[in-house]
Amino acid sequence: MTTRSDRIAARRAYGGVLVVNAVLNGIFRVELLVDTAAAITSITLRTAERLGIEVRHPLRHDRVATAHSRRLVIVPVVKLDSIAVGPFQVEGLEVQIIEFPSQLRIHGSLGINFLARFRPTFEFDTATLILRPLPG
């Protein structure tokens, strides 16, 4: 059973995927594409710069195959202080810095390293992401 607080209004875009509002580091409101094919949440370089994140000294570099480039690229990985989606906040989440095609007009993607902390359900007909905390 879900409650109102579990239900996060999204919008359908780009062929039906969900785009949700999020708040990064408690200050910066963004739109993230919900991407169950992405192991790690990502933000754009511009978003990282606006947050004051130093990308020249990342935690590490990951090799990823992006859907839009269809080739392997090496991207920096940094850590956010926090990311909040609806009433749910995760602290210390690692994110990749990835560029998206400009026509998408998003700030990044919400990947499995965020979603796996919950029991997510997607209602595409109502453009709703439902997040339920894991037991325990």
C-alpha atoms as a PDB file:
ATOM      1  CA  MET A   1       0.000   0.000   0.000  1.00  0.00           C
ATOM      2  CA  THR A   2       1.312   3.430  -0.882  1.00  0.00           C
ATOM      3  CA  THR A   3       0.784   6.732   0.850  1.00  0.00           C
ATOM      4  CA  ARG A   4       0.741  10.227  -0.563  1.00  0.00           C
ATOM      5  CA  SER A   5       4.279  10.802   0.662  1.00  0.00           C
ATOM      6  CA  ASP A   6       5.507   7.739  -1.258  1.00  0.00           C
ATOM      7  CA  ARG A   7       4.150   9.122  -4.524  1.00  0.00           C
ATOM      8  CA  ILE A   8       6.401  11.484  -6.419  1.00  0.00           C
ATOM      9  CA  ALA A   9       4.872  13.396  -9.284  1.00  0.00           C
ATOM     10  CA  ALA A  10       6.944  13.187 -12.428  1.00  0.00           C
ATOM     11  CA  ARG A  11       6.439  14.125 -16.024  1.00  0.00           C
ATOM     12  CA  ARG A  12       6.563  11.882 -19.033  1.00  0.00           C
ATOM     13  CA  ALA A  13       9.008  12.956 -21.676  1.00  0.00           C
ATOM     14  CA  TYR A  14      11.230  11.698 -24.461  1.00  0.00           C
ATOM     15  CA  GLY A  15       9.108   8.740 -25.529  1.00  0.00           C
ATOM     16  CA  GLY A  16       7.520   8.044 -22.150  1.00  0.00           C
ATOM     17  CA  VAL A  17      10.366   7.998 -19.637  1.00  0.00           C
ATOM     18  CA  LEU A  18       9.794   9.667 -16.293  1.00  0.00           C
ATOM     19  CA  VAL A  19      11.537  12.899 -15.328  1.00  0.00           C
ATOM     20  CA  VAL A  20      11.478  13.846 -11.637  1.00  0.00           C
ATOM     21  CA  ASN A  21      12.380  16.949  -9.681  1.00  0.00           C
ATOM     22  CA  ALA A  22      15.254  16.580  -7.243  1.00  0.00           C
ATOM     23  CA  VAL A  23      17.264  18.809  -4.931  1.00  0.00           C
ATOM     24  CA  LEU A  24      21.038  18.406  -4.922  1.00  0.00           C
ATOM     25  CA  ASN A  25      23.100  19.312  -1.854  1.00  0.00           C
ATOM     26  CA  GLY A  26      20.020  20.893  -0.292  1.00  0.00           C
ATOM     27  CA  ILE A  27      20.164  23.940  -2.567  1.00  0.00           C
ATOM     28  CA  PHE A  28      19.931  23.229  -6.285  1.00  0.00           C
ATOM     29  CA  ARG A  29      16.668  22.125  -7.888  1.00  0.00           C
ATOM     30  CA  VAL A  30      17.106  19.927 -10.951  1.00  0.00           C
ATOM     31  CA  GLU A  31      15.228  17.609 -13.273  1.00  0.00           C
ATOM     32  CA  LEU A  32      16.553  14.055 -13.524  1.00  0.00           C
ATOM     33  CA  LEU A  33      15.533  11.393 -16.003  1.00  0.00           C
ATOM     34  CA  VAL A  34      14.682   8.147 -14.165  1.00  0.00           C
ATOM     35  CA  ASP A  35      17.057   5.626 -15.747  1.00  0.00           C
ATOM     36  CA  THR A  36      16.854   2.015 -14.598  1.00  0.00           C
ATOM     37  CA  ALA A  37      19.562   1.125 -17.130  1.00  0.00           C
ATOM     38  CA  ALA A  38      22.091   3.392 -15.393  1.00  0.00           C
ATOM     39  CA  ALA A  39      23.999   1.786 -12.533  1.00  0.00           C
ATOM     40  CA  ILE A  40      25.068   5.166 -11.187  1.00  0.00           C
ATOM     41  CA  THR A  41      23.187   8.440 -10.925  1.00  0.00           C
ATOM     42  CA  SER A  42      24.636  11.188 -13.106  1.00  0.00           C
ATOM     43  CA  ILE A  43      24.691  14.950 -13.393  1.00  0.00           C
ATOM     44  CA  THR A  44      25.967  17.203 -16.147  1.00  0.00           C
ATOM     45  CA  LEU A  45      29.231  19.094 -15.911  1.00  0.00           C
ATOM     46  CA  ARG A  46      27.342  22.398 -15.806  1.00  0.00           C
ATOM     47  CA  THR A  47      25.256  21.152 -12.877  1.00  0.00           C
ATOM     48  CA  ALA A  48      28.398  20.038 -11.028  1.00  0.00           C
ATOM     49  CA  GLU A  49      30.008  23.420 -11.632  1.00  0.00           C
ATOM     50  CA  ARG A  50      26.920  25.268 -10.383  1.00  0.00           C
ATOM     51  CA  LEU A  51      27.107  23.183  -7.201  1.00  0.00           C
ATOM     52  CA  GLY A  52      30.751  24.110  -6.769  1.00  0.00           C
ATOM     53  CA  ILE A  53      31.906  20.509  -7.154  1.00  0.00           C
ATOM     54  CA  GLU A  54      35.540  20.161  -8.166  1.00  0.00           C
ATOM     55  CA  VAL A  55      35.566  17.716 -11.080  1.00  0.00           C
ATOM     56  CA  ARG A  56      39.287  17.979 -11.809  1.00  0.00           C
ATOM     57  CA  HIS A  57      39.972  15.803  -8.755  1.00  0.00           C
ATOM     58  CA  PRO A  58      37.277  13.100  -8.858  1.00  0.00           C
ATOM     59  CA  LEU A  59      36.999  10.066  -6.613  1.00  0.00           C
ATOM     60  CA  ARG A  60      37.762   7.939  -9.675  1.00  0.00           C
ATOM     61  CA  HIS A  61      36.963   7.628 -13.356  1.00  0.00           C
ATOM     62  CA  ASP A  62      34.416   5.136 -14.709  1.00  0.00           C
ATOM     63  CA  ARG A  63      34.148   3.749 -18.199  1.00  0.00           C
ATOM     64  CA  VAL A  64      30.535   3.911 -19.369  1.00  0.00           C
ATOM     65  CA  ALA A  65      28.581   3.328 -22.537  1.00  0.00           C
ATOM     66  CA  THR A  66      26.074   6.140 -22.877  1.00  0.00           C
ATOM     67  CA  ALA A  67      22.868   5.556 -24.791  1.00  0.00           C
ATOM     68  CA  HIS A  68      23.358   8.617 -26.954  1.00  0.00           C
ATOM     69  CA  SER A  69      27.031   8.119 -27.880  1.00  0.00           C
ATOM     70  CA  ARG A  70      26.994   4.317 -28.346  1.00  0.00           C
ATOM     71  CA  ARG A  71      30.661   4.156 -27.420  1.00  0.00           C
ATOM     72  CA  LEU A  72      32.666   3.823 -24.246  1.00  0.00           C
ATOM     73  CA  VAL A  73      33.618   7.086 -22.612  1.00  0.00           C
ATOM     74  CA  ILE A  74      35.591   7.772 -19.452  1.00  0.00           C
ATOM     75  CA  VAL A  75      33.758   9.985 -16.969  1.00  0.00           C
ATOM     76  CA  PRO A  76      34.677  11.419 -13.568  1.00  0.00           C
ATOM     77  CA  VAL A  77      32.858  10.257 -10.444  1.00  0.00           C
ATOM     78  CA  VAL A  78      32.210  12.702  -7.600  1.00  0.00           C
ATOM     79  CA  LYS A  79      30.161  12.583  -4.412  1.00  0.00           C
ATOM     80  CA  LEU A  80      27.103  14.697  -3.650  1.00  0.00           C
ATOM     81  CA  ASP A  81      26.450  15.797  -0.097  1.00  0.00           C
ATOM     82  CA  SER A  82      22.804  14.863  -0.614  1.00  0.00           C
ATOM     83  CA  ILE A  83      20.129  14.214  -3.181  1.00  0.00           C
ATOM     84  CA  ALA A  84      16.438  14.505  -2.355  1.00  0.00           C
ATOM     85  CA  VAL A  85      13.558  13.204  -4.441  1.00  0.00           C
ATOM     86  CA  GLY A  86      10.195  13.972  -2.923  1.00  0.00           C
ATOM     87  CA  PRO A  87      10.496  13.471   0.846  1.00  0.00           C
ATOM     88  CA  PHE A  88      13.375  11.007   0.474  1.00  0.00           C
ATOM     89  CA  GLN A  89      16.976  12.099   0.884  1.00  0.00           C
ATOM     90  CA  VAL A  90      20.150  10.081   0.342  1.00  0.00           C
ATOM     91  CA  GLU A  91      23.461  11.425   1.602  1.00  0.00           C
ATOM     92  CA  GLY A  92      26.912  10.835   0.171  1.00  0.00           C
ATOM     93  CA  LEU A  93      25.738   9.476  -3.179  1.00  0.00           C
ATOM     94  CA  GLU A  94      28.353   8.980  -5.884  1.00  0.00           C
ATOM     95  CA  VAL A  95      27.438  10.456  -9.255  1.00  0.00           C
ATOM     96  CA  GLN A  96      29.045  10.345 -12.662  1.00  0.00           C
ATOM     97  CA  ILE A  97      29.576  13.517 -14.673  1.00  0.00           C
ATOM     98  CA  ILE A  98      27.975  12.817 -18.057  1.00  0.00           C
ATOM     99  CA  GLU A  99      26.903  15.116 -20.841  1.00  0.00           C
ATOM    100  CA  PHE A 100      23.452  14.586 -22.313  1.00  0.00           C
ATOM    101  CA  PRO A 101      22.224  15.787 -25.696  1.00  0.00           C
ATOM    102  CA  SER A 102      21.124  19.415 -25.311  1.00  0.00           C
ATOM    103  CA  GLN A 103      17.644  18.679 -26.645  1.00  0.00           C
ATOM    104  CA  LEU A 104      16.903  16.590 -23.532  1.00  0.00           C
ATOM    105  CA  ARG A 105      17.005  19.643 -21.241  1.00  0.00           C
ATOM    106  CA  ILE A 106      17.738  17.631 -18.108  1.00  0.00           C
ATOM    107  CA  HIS A 107      20.389  17.976 -15.420  1.00  0.00           C
ATOM    108  CA  GLY A 108      21.224  14.266 -15.265  1.00  0.00           C
ATOM    109  CA  SER A 109      19.740  10.871 -14.536  1.00  0.00           C
ATOM    110  CA  LEU A 110      18.544   9.059 -11.435  1.00  0.00           C
ATOM    111  CA  GLY A 111      20.256   5.675 -11.474  1.00  0.00           C
ATOM    112  CA  ILE A 112      20.151   2.396  -9.618  1.00  0.00           C
ATOM    113  CA  ASN A 113      22.533   3.512  -6.854  1.00  0.00           C
ATOM    114  CA  PHE A 114      19.705   5.816  -5.702  1.00  0.00           C
ATOM    115  CA  LEU A 115      16.689   3.694  -6.696  1.00  0.00           C
ATOM    116  CA  ALA A 116      18.011   0.466  -5.097  1.00  0.00           C
ATOM    117  CA  ARG A 117      17.757   2.083  -1.664  1.00  0.00           C
ATOM    118  CA  PHE A 118      13.976   1.860  -2.081  1.00  0.00           C
ATOM    119  CA  ARG A 119      11.316  -0.372  -3.578  1.00  0.00           C
ATOM    120  CA  PRO A 120      10.524   1.724  -6.631  1.00  0.00           C
ATOM    121  CA  THR A 121       7.326   1.377  -8.615  1.00  0.00           C
ATOM    122  CA  PHE A 122       6.560   3.251 -11.784  1.00  0.00           C
ATOM    123  CA  GLU A 123       3.086   4.337 -12.825  1.00  0.00           C
ATOM    124  CA  PHE A 124       3.616   5.521 -16.356  1.00  0.00           C
ATOM    125  CA  ASP A 125      -0.074   6.245 -16.930  1.00  0.00           C
ATOM    126  CA  THR A 126      -0.099   8.790 -14.092  1.00  0.00           C
ATOM    127  CA  ALA A 127       3.557   9.857 -14.468  1.00  0.00           C
ATOM    128  CA  THR A 128       4.298   8.849 -10.886  1.00  0.00           C
ATOM    129  CA  LEU A 129       7.372   7.388  -9.230  1.00  0.00           C
ATOM    130  CA  ILE A 130       6.571   5.549  -6.006  1.00  0.00           C
ATOM    131  CA  LEU A 131       9.436   5.103  -3.551  1.00  0.00           C
ATOM    132  CA  ARG A 132       8.979   2.913  -0.503  1.00  0.00           C
ATOM    133  CA  PRO A 133      11.822   2.617   1.996  1.00  0.00           C
ATOM    134  CA  LEU A 134      13.331  -0.842   2.326  1.00  0.00           C
ATOM    135  CA  PRO A 135      12.448  -2.642   5.547  1.00  0.00           C
ATOM    136  CA  GLY A 136      14.942  -2.516   8.390  1.00  0.00           C
END
